[in-house]
Amino acid sequence: MAVTITQTQKTIVTGNIKVDDKSVVFLNATVSDGVMENITQNIQDKTLYAANKSAIETKITQFKNSLGNQS
């Protein structure tokens, strides 16, 4: 009988996008061994999200791109 162990390092990364100090989008990502496993985004304020969609989408992209630097 062979006894083995597999070890994986996971990191949870969160982000909070705000407009005028009001939370609009909450981001949560899991990074495993430097690779993004999943990301969720929850819109907290639909009105502010719609009014600032382009700028918010840019911030979401920046968040996702930053995840490649996790290890």
Protein backbone atom coordinates (compact mmCIF):
# COMPACT_ATOMS: atom_id res chain seq x y z
CA MET A 1 0.00 0.00 0.00
CA ALA A 2 1.39 3.39 -1.03
CA VAL A 3 0.71 6.38 1.17
CA THR A 4 0.89 9.72 -0.62
CA ILE A 5 0.02 13.33 0.00
CA THR A 6 -0.83 16.04 -2.49
CA GLN A 7 -0.52 19.61 -1.32
CA THR A 8 -2.18 22.57 -2.96
CA GLN A 9 -1.82 26.18 -1.94
CA LYS A 10 -5.00 28.21 -2.26
CA THR A 11 -5.43 31.92 -1.79
CA ILE A 12 -8.70 33.81 -1.44
CA VAL A 13 -8.62 37.31 -2.91
CA THR A 14 -11.45 39.79 -2.39
CA GLY A 15 -12.17 43.16 -3.93
CA ASN A 16 -14.73 45.84 -3.32
CA ILE A 17 -15.46 48.38 -6.06
CA LYS A 18 -16.94 51.59 -4.72
CA VAL A 19 -18.44 54.70 -6.27
CA ASP A 20 -18.31 57.72 -3.98
CA ASP A 21 -17.62 55.45 -0.96
CA LYS A 22 -20.68 53.29 -1.71
CA SER A 23 -20.04 49.60 -2.37
CA VAL A 24 -21.21 48.69 -5.88
CA VAL A 25 -19.54 45.34 -6.70
CA PHE A 26 -17.97 42.74 -4.40
CA LEU A 27 -15.42 40.37 -5.99
CA ASN A 28 -14.20 37.05 -4.60
CA ALA A 29 -11.61 34.84 -6.29
CA THR A 30 -9.83 31.60 -5.47
CA VAL A 31 -6.29 31.21 -6.75
CA SER A 32 -4.67 27.78 -6.58
CA ASP A 33 -0.95 27.38 -7.25
CA GLY A 34 -0.92 30.72 -9.08
CA VAL A 35 -3.88 29.87 -11.32
CA MET A 36 -7.31 31.46 -10.94
CA GLU A 37 -9.83 28.69 -10.18
CA ASN A 38 -12.95 30.81 -9.96
CA ILE A 39 -14.21 34.31 -9.50
CA THR A 40 -17.58 35.57 -8.37
CA GLN A 41 -18.93 39.07 -8.53
CA ASN A 42 -21.96 40.36 -6.70
CA ILE A 43 -23.59 43.62 -7.68
CA GLN A 44 -24.56 45.49 -4.52
CA ASP A 45 -26.13 48.57 -6.16
CA LYS A 46 -27.68 48.08 -9.60
CA THR A 47 -28.34 51.78 -10.17
CA LEU A 48 -24.75 52.87 -9.52
CA TYR A 49 -23.48 49.87 -11.50
CA ALA A 50 -25.53 50.85 -14.55
CA ALA A 51 -24.51 54.50 -14.31
CA ASN A 52 -20.79 53.63 -14.04
CA LYS A 53 -20.65 50.35 -15.95
CA SER A 54 -17.66 51.15 -18.18
CA ALA A 55 -15.42 52.30 -15.32
CA ILE A 56 -16.52 49.38 -13.13
CA GLU A 57 -15.87 46.82 -15.86
CA THR A 58 -12.36 48.29 -16.21
CA LYS A 59 -11.78 47.78 -12.48
CA ILE A 60 -13.09 44.19 -12.70
CA THR A 61 -10.65 43.50 -15.54
CA GLN A 62 -7.81 44.99 -13.48
CA PHE A 63 -8.77 42.74 -10.56
CA LYS A 64 -8.79 39.64 -12.75
CA ASN A 65 -5.45 40.55 -14.34
CA SER A 66 -3.87 41.03 -10.92
CA LEU A 67 -4.72 37.45 -9.95
CA GLY A 68 -1.99 36.06 -12.20
CA ASN A 69 0.51 37.61 -9.80
CA GLN A 70 -0.64 35.50 -6.84
CA SER A 71 1.53 32.63 -5.68
